[in-house]
Amino acid sequence: MQEVKKFLDYLELERKFSANTVLNYEIDLKEFVDFIVSKDLNEIEIKDIRRYLEYLNEQKYHVSSISRKVSSLKSFFKYLKAEKMIDNNPMALISNPKKEKKLPVFLNYQDLDKLLNTPDLNTGVGQRDALILEMLYSTGIRVSELANLKLKDINFGEHKILILGKGNKERYVYYGTKCQKLLDKYLSDGRTMYPASAYLFSNKHGNKLNERMIRMIVDECGRKAQLNVHVTPHVLRHTYATHMLNEGADLKSVGDLLGHENLSTTQIYTHVSNERLRKVYLSSHPRAKKN
C-alpha cells in the first residue's frame, strides 16, 4: 500500500526513527492491511478498528503487543489526516488497552536479613558486596545511579547522597547507621584493593563497576542466600519502597526519595501494603478467620 510506504519514509527521513523502530511500524501496519484486505483507507470506520482489535484478542496477543499495534495505527492515521489523505480519523476515539498491573516483587524482612548477611565481611570483596546490597536497600536508588555514584556525592556528616537521576534531575537520598558502618569498613579496607577512583565502586582497572557487574553480584548473593525470589537491584528498590510504606512513610515522601516524577508511579506499592493489611485482617479478626 502506497500510503504505508509514504508513512514509513516519513518516519525514517523526517522523524529520524531508527531502522528497528520503522521495521516494527511496518510489521504492525502490514498485519492491519492484511486484515482489512482491499478496503480503501477512506472507507475505514471505527467498527473496522474494533473488529481488528477483537481479532488480535482472539489470536491471544499479549496486552503490551496490542497496545503497541494501537499506537502504530494511531500514528499512521494521524499522519494520513494531517496529509489530507483521509477525511476522518477512525483511531481518534480508540484508546490503548489497559496494561495488567503486576505487583512489584519484594523481600520480606526475614529473607532480606538472610541476603544482607550473606557476604563475608572478612574479605575485601565481601565488604564491597555487602555495601552494594545495603546501599540498594537503604537508599532505594536505581542500579544505574549506584554505578555512577562518586565519593564526592556522599555527605558523610549528614548521611545523605546527591543522586543524578533520570532526566538529569538531582535529588538527595539518605542512609542509616548500618550502612554507615559498612561504608566506613569498605573505605578503610576493602576499597584499598582497587586502584584509586572517583567512583565509590570500581573494578581492578580503576573504572566504575558497571550495571551488569552489579546485577551479577546481587544475583550471586541471592543464590548464596538460597532465597526463592530471584534477587535483582530492582527487587531491592521495590523492597525499600514497600518497607518504607509498611513502616508508616507517606506516599509523597517515598516517591520523592525514589525519584518518581508522578505519584501514580509510586501508588503501585500501596497495593502491596493493602494486600498485607488484608491478610492481617483475615488472620486476626474473629469474624474473618476460617474455621
Protein backbone atom coordinates (compact mmCIF):
# COMPACT_ATOMS: atom_id res chain seq x y z
CA MET A 1 0.00 0.00 0.00
CA GLN A 2 1.45 3.32 -1.14
CA GLU A 3 0.23 5.24 1.90
CA VAL A 4 2.09 2.90 4.24
CA LYS A 5 5.31 3.36 2.28
CA LYS A 6 5.00 7.15 2.45
CA PHE A 7 4.39 6.96 6.19
CA LEU A 8 7.44 4.75 6.75
CA ASP A 9 9.59 7.11 4.66
CA TYR A 10 8.29 9.98 6.78
CA LEU A 11 9.31 8.18 9.98
CA GLU A 12 12.76 7.37 8.66
CA LEU A 13 13.64 10.58 6.82
CA GLU A 14 11.81 13.29 8.73
CA ARG A 15 11.32 11.87 12.21
CA LYS A 16 14.74 10.14 12.10
CA PHE A 17 13.39 6.98 13.73
CA SER A 18 15.79 4.05 14.00
CA ALA A 19 15.65 1.25 11.42
CA ASN A 20 14.38 -1.14 14.10
CA THR A 21 11.53 1.17 15.10
CA VAL A 22 10.49 1.71 11.48
CA LEU A 23 10.53 -2.06 10.95
CA ASN A 24 8.17 -2.53 13.93
CA TYR A 25 5.77 0.01 12.42
CA GLU A 26 5.96 -1.80 9.09
CA ILE A 27 5.13 -5.15 10.69
CA ASP A 28 2.18 -3.70 12.61
CA LEU A 29 0.74 -1.87 9.60
CA LYS A 30 1.20 -4.83 7.24
CA GLU A 31 -0.80 -7.01 9.62
CA PHE A 32 -3.59 -4.42 9.71
CA VAL A 33 -3.60 -4.01 5.92
CA ASP A 34 -3.78 -7.80 5.50
CA PHE A 35 -6.76 -7.86 7.85
CA ILE A 36 -8.79 -5.19 6.04
CA VAL A 37 -7.77 -6.73 2.66
CA SER A 38 -8.64 -4.33 -0.14
CA LYS A 39 -10.72 -1.77 1.75
CA ASP A 40 -9.88 1.83 0.89
CA LEU A 41 -8.34 3.79 3.80
CA ASN A 42 -11.01 6.49 3.47
CA GLU A 43 -13.70 3.85 3.98
CA ILE A 44 -12.30 2.51 7.24
CA GLU A 45 -14.58 3.18 10.20
CA ILE A 46 -14.24 2.77 13.94
CA LYS A 47 -16.17 -0.54 13.73
CA ASP A 48 -13.42 -1.90 11.43
CA ILE A 49 -10.79 -0.97 14.00
CA ARG A 50 -12.79 -2.66 16.75
CA ARG A 51 -13.13 -5.81 14.65
CA TYR A 52 -9.36 -5.80 14.20
CA LEU A 53 -8.79 -5.45 17.96
CA GLU A 54 -11.20 -8.32 18.59
CA TYR A 55 -9.20 -10.38 16.09
CA LEU A 56 -5.95 -9.61 17.96
CA ASN A 57 -7.56 -10.72 21.21
CA GLU A 58 -8.80 -13.92 19.60
CA GLN A 59 -5.25 -14.60 18.40
CA LYS A 60 -4.12 -14.37 22.07
CA TYR A 61 -1.84 -11.38 21.55
CA HIS A 62 -0.38 -10.04 24.78
CA VAL A 63 -1.82 -6.74 26.04
CA SER A 64 1.51 -4.98 25.53
CA SER A 65 1.65 -6.17 21.89
CA ILE A 66 -1.90 -4.96 21.20
CA SER A 67 -1.06 -1.64 22.83
CA ARG A 68 1.93 -1.23 20.51
CA LYS A 69 -0.18 -2.03 17.44
CA VAL A 70 -2.80 0.50 18.53
CA SER A 71 -0.08 3.14 18.94
CA SER A 72 1.23 2.33 15.45
CA LEU A 73 -2.22 2.74 13.93
CA LYS A 74 -2.82 5.98 15.83
CA SER A 75 0.39 7.46 14.43
CA PHE A 76 -0.39 6.19 10.93
CA PHE A 77 -3.93 7.60 10.74
CA LYS A 78 -2.87 10.87 12.37
CA TYR A 79 -0.29 11.23 9.60
CA LEU A 80 -2.86 10.41 6.90
CA LYS A 81 -5.28 13.02 8.28
CA ALA A 82 -2.55 15.66 8.52
CA GLU A 83 -1.52 14.96 4.91
CA LYS A 84 -5.20 15.11 3.85
CA MET A 85 -5.10 11.53 2.53
CA ILE A 86 -8.24 10.72 4.55
CA ASP A 87 -11.22 12.78 5.68
CA ASN A 88 -11.84 11.19 9.06
CA ASN A 89 -9.52 9.55 11.57
CA PRO A 90 -11.10 6.24 12.75
CA MET A 91 -8.49 5.96 15.53
CA ALA A 92 -9.50 9.22 17.20
CA LEU A 93 -11.82 7.52 19.70
CA ILE A 94 -9.75 4.35 20.17
CA SER A 95 -7.74 4.12 23.38
CA ASN A 96 -4.88 1.80 24.25
CA PRO A 97 -5.87 -1.30 26.23
CA LYS A 98 -5.09 -1.09 29.91
CA LYS A 99 -1.93 -2.95 30.79
CA GLU A 100 -2.11 -5.50 33.55
CA LYS A 101 -0.55 -4.06 36.68
CA LYS A 102 1.82 -6.57 38.21
CA LEU A 103 2.54 -6.17 41.88
CA PRO A 104 6.23 -5.49 42.49
CA VAL A 105 8.34 -8.36 43.79
CA PHE A 106 9.92 -7.60 47.17
CA LEU A 107 11.66 -9.40 50.02
CA ASN A 108 10.12 -9.97 53.42
CA TYR A 109 12.17 -8.96 56.46
CA GLN A 110 13.48 -12.48 57.11
CA ASP A 111 14.70 -13.03 53.53
CA LEU A 112 16.20 -9.56 53.47
CA ASP A 113 18.26 -10.32 56.60
CA LYS A 114 19.48 -13.56 55.02
CA LEU A 115 20.56 -11.69 51.90
CA LEU A 116 22.29 -8.81 53.69
CA ASN A 117 24.23 -11.21 55.92
CA THR A 118 25.47 -13.38 53.03
CA PRO A 119 28.74 -11.55 52.10
CA ASP A 120 31.87 -12.37 54.14
CA LEU A 121 32.96 -9.13 55.83
CA ASN A 122 36.42 -10.56 56.48
CA THR A 123 37.30 -10.15 52.79
CA GLY A 124 37.55 -7.02 50.64
CA VAL A 125 35.17 -8.47 48.03
CA GLY A 126 32.68 -9.37 50.77
CA GLN A 127 32.82 -5.84 52.17
CA ARG A 128 32.16 -4.44 48.70
CA ASP A 129 29.26 -6.81 48.05
CA ALA A 130 27.73 -6.16 51.47
CA LEU A 131 27.84 -2.40 50.87
CA ILE A 132 26.28 -2.77 47.41
CA LEU A 133 23.34 -4.70 48.87
CA GLU A 134 22.97 -2.33 51.82
CA MET A 135 23.18 0.79 49.63
CA LEU A 136 20.49 -0.51 47.26
CA TYR A 137 18.15 -1.37 50.14
CA SER A 138 18.93 1.58 52.44
CA THR A 139 18.56 4.25 49.74
CA GLY A 140 16.25 2.68 47.13
CA ILE A 141 18.42 4.03 44.30
CA ARG A 142 18.47 2.52 40.81
CA VAL A 143 21.35 0.30 39.73
CA SER A 144 22.44 2.95 37.20
CA GLU A 145 22.53 5.55 39.98
CA LEU A 146 24.64 3.26 42.17
CA ALA A 147 27.08 2.56 39.32
CA ASN A 148 27.58 6.31 38.77
CA LEU A 149 27.91 7.15 42.47
CA LYS A 150 31.07 9.13 43.26
CA LEU A 151 32.71 9.69 46.63
CA LYS A 152 32.20 13.45 46.32
CA ASP A 153 28.42 12.87 46.15
CA ILE A 154 28.34 11.45 49.70
CA ASN A 155 27.78 13.78 52.66
CA PHE A 156 29.22 11.60 55.44
CA GLY A 157 28.25 14.01 58.23
CA GLU A 158 24.55 14.12 57.32
CA HIS A 159 24.30 10.56 55.94
CA LYS A 160 22.93 11.73 52.62
CA ILE A 161 23.89 11.24 48.98
CA LEU A 162 23.34 13.52 45.99
CA ILE A 163 21.89 11.45 43.15
CA LEU A 164 21.69 12.40 39.49
CA GLY A 165 18.58 10.53 38.36
CA LYS A 166 16.53 10.17 35.21
CA GLY A 167 16.39 13.28 33.03
CA ASN A 168 19.47 14.63 34.87
CA LYS A 169 17.28 15.52 37.86
CA GLU A 170 19.07 15.81 41.19
CA ARG A 171 17.71 14.54 44.48
CA TYR A 172 19.02 13.54 47.89
CA VAL A 173 18.68 10.08 49.41
CA TYR A 174 19.57 9.08 52.94
CA TYR A 175 21.21 6.11 54.64
CA GLY A 176 21.34 4.86 58.22
CA THR A 177 23.93 3.75 60.76
CA LYS A 178 24.22 0.16 59.48
CA CYS A 179 25.05 1.44 56.01
CA GLN A 180 27.49 3.95 57.51
CA LYS A 181 29.39 1.20 59.34
CA LEU A 182 29.70 -0.87 56.16
CA LEU A 183 30.72 2.23 54.20
CA ASP A 184 33.48 3.06 56.73
CA LYS A 185 34.73 -0.53 56.73
CA TYR A 186 34.80 -0.71 52.93
CA LEU A 187 36.57 2.64 52.51
CA SER A 188 39.26 1.83 55.09
CA ASP A 189 39.79 -1.78 54.00
CA GLY A 190 38.05 -3.38 51.01
CA ARG A 191 38.32 -0.42 48.66
CA THR A 192 42.10 -0.26 49.08
CA MET A 193 42.45 -3.42 46.96
CA TYR A 194 41.27 -1.44 43.91
CA PRO A 195 43.09 1.41 42.09
CA ALA A 196 42.20 4.96 43.16
CA SER A 197 38.97 6.11 41.51
CA ALA A 198 36.43 8.90 41.77
CA TYR A 199 33.68 6.26 41.87
CA LEU A 200 32.62 4.52 45.07
CA PHE A 201 32.67 1.13 43.38
CA SER A 202 35.39 0.43 40.82
CA ASN A 203 36.95 -2.57 39.10
CA LYS A 204 40.59 -3.68 39.06
CA HIS A 205 41.31 -1.16 36.27
CA GLY A 206 40.01 1.79 38.28
CA ASN A 207 36.91 2.19 36.11
CA LYS A 208 33.45 2.31 37.63
CA LEU A 209 31.76 -1.01 38.35
CA ASN A 210 29.16 -1.20 35.58
CA GLU A 211 25.46 -2.06 35.96
CA ARG A 212 25.91 -5.56 34.56
CA MET A 213 28.53 -6.43 37.17
CA ILE A 214 26.40 -5.04 40.00
CA ARG A 215 23.44 -7.14 38.82
CA MET A 216 25.67 -10.22 38.74
CA ILE A 217 26.89 -9.54 42.30
CA VAL A 218 23.33 -9.12 43.60
CA ASP A 219 22.18 -12.26 41.77
CA GLU A 220 25.08 -14.29 43.18
CA CYS A 221 24.35 -13.12 46.73
CA GLY A 222 20.69 -14.04 46.27
CA ARG A 223 21.62 -17.56 45.17
CA LYS A 224 24.06 -17.98 48.08
CA ALA A 225 21.28 -16.93 50.47
CA GLN A 226 19.11 -19.68 48.90
CA LEU A 227 16.08 -17.45 48.53
CA ASN A 228 13.03 -18.43 46.49
CA VAL A 229 12.96 -14.96 44.94
CA HIS A 230 15.25 -14.02 42.06
CA VAL A 231 17.01 -11.04 43.63
CA THR A 232 17.88 -8.07 41.41
CA PRO A 233 18.77 -4.45 42.21
CA HIS A 234 15.20 -3.50 41.28
CA VAL A 235 13.78 -6.05 43.72
CA LEU A 236 15.76 -4.28 46.46
CA ARG A 237 14.34 -0.95 45.26
CA HIS A 238 10.83 -2.46 45.48
CA THR A 239 11.69 -3.80 48.95
CA TYR A 240 12.85 -0.36 50.09
CA ALA A 241 9.60 1.29 48.96
CA THR A 242 7.35 -1.44 50.37
CA HIS A 243 9.07 -1.50 53.77
CA MET A 244 9.02 2.31 53.99
CA LEU A 245 5.25 2.38 53.42
CA ASN A 246 4.68 -0.55 55.78
CA GLU A 247 6.55 1.34 58.48
CA GLY A 248 4.38 4.45 58.08
CA ALA A 249 6.12 6.65 55.48
CA ASP A 250 3.76 8.73 53.34
CA LEU A 251 3.43 8.07 49.62
CA LYS A 252 4.67 11.50 48.50
CA SER A 253 7.90 11.24 50.51
CA VAL A 254 8.64 7.75 49.23
CA GLY A 255 8.02 8.90 45.66
CA ASP A 256 10.40 11.84 46.11
CA LEU A 257 13.10 9.61 47.57
CA LEU A 258 12.72 7.15 44.69
CA GLY A 259 12.92 9.97 42.15
CA HIS A 260 9.44 9.37 40.74
CA GLU A 261 8.12 12.24 38.66
CA ASN A 262 4.47 11.27 39.17
CA LEU A 263 2.78 9.99 42.31
CA SER A 264 0.92 7.41 40.18
CA THR A 265 4.23 5.58 39.67
CA THR A 266 4.60 5.16 43.43
CA GLN A 267 0.98 4.14 44.02
CA ILE A 268 1.59 0.55 42.91
CA TYR A 269 3.31 -0.02 46.25
CA THR A 270 0.09 0.81 48.12
CA HIS A 271 -1.42 -2.33 46.56
CA VAL A 272 1.31 -4.35 48.27
CA SER A 273 0.63 -2.65 51.60
CA ASN A 274 -3.12 -3.08 51.18
CA GLU A 275 -2.65 -6.79 50.47
CA ARG A 276 -0.61 -7.12 53.67
CA LEU A 277 -3.37 -5.40 55.65
CA ARG A 278 -5.97 -7.70 54.07
CA LYS A 279 -4.01 -10.77 55.19
CA VAL A 280 -3.63 -9.34 58.69
CA TYR A 281 -7.38 -8.77 58.85
CA LEU A 282 -8.28 -12.23 57.55
CA SER A 283 -5.94 -13.93 60.00
CA SER A 284 -6.80 -11.76 63.01
CA HIS A 285 -10.46 -10.69 63.01
CA PRO A 286 -12.77 -13.21 64.75
CA ARG A 287 -15.43 -12.83 62.05
CA ALA A 288 -12.91 -13.24 59.25
CA LYS A 289 -10.94 -16.26 60.46
CA LYS A 290 -11.53 -19.52 58.63
CA ASN A 291 -12.97 -22.30 60.76
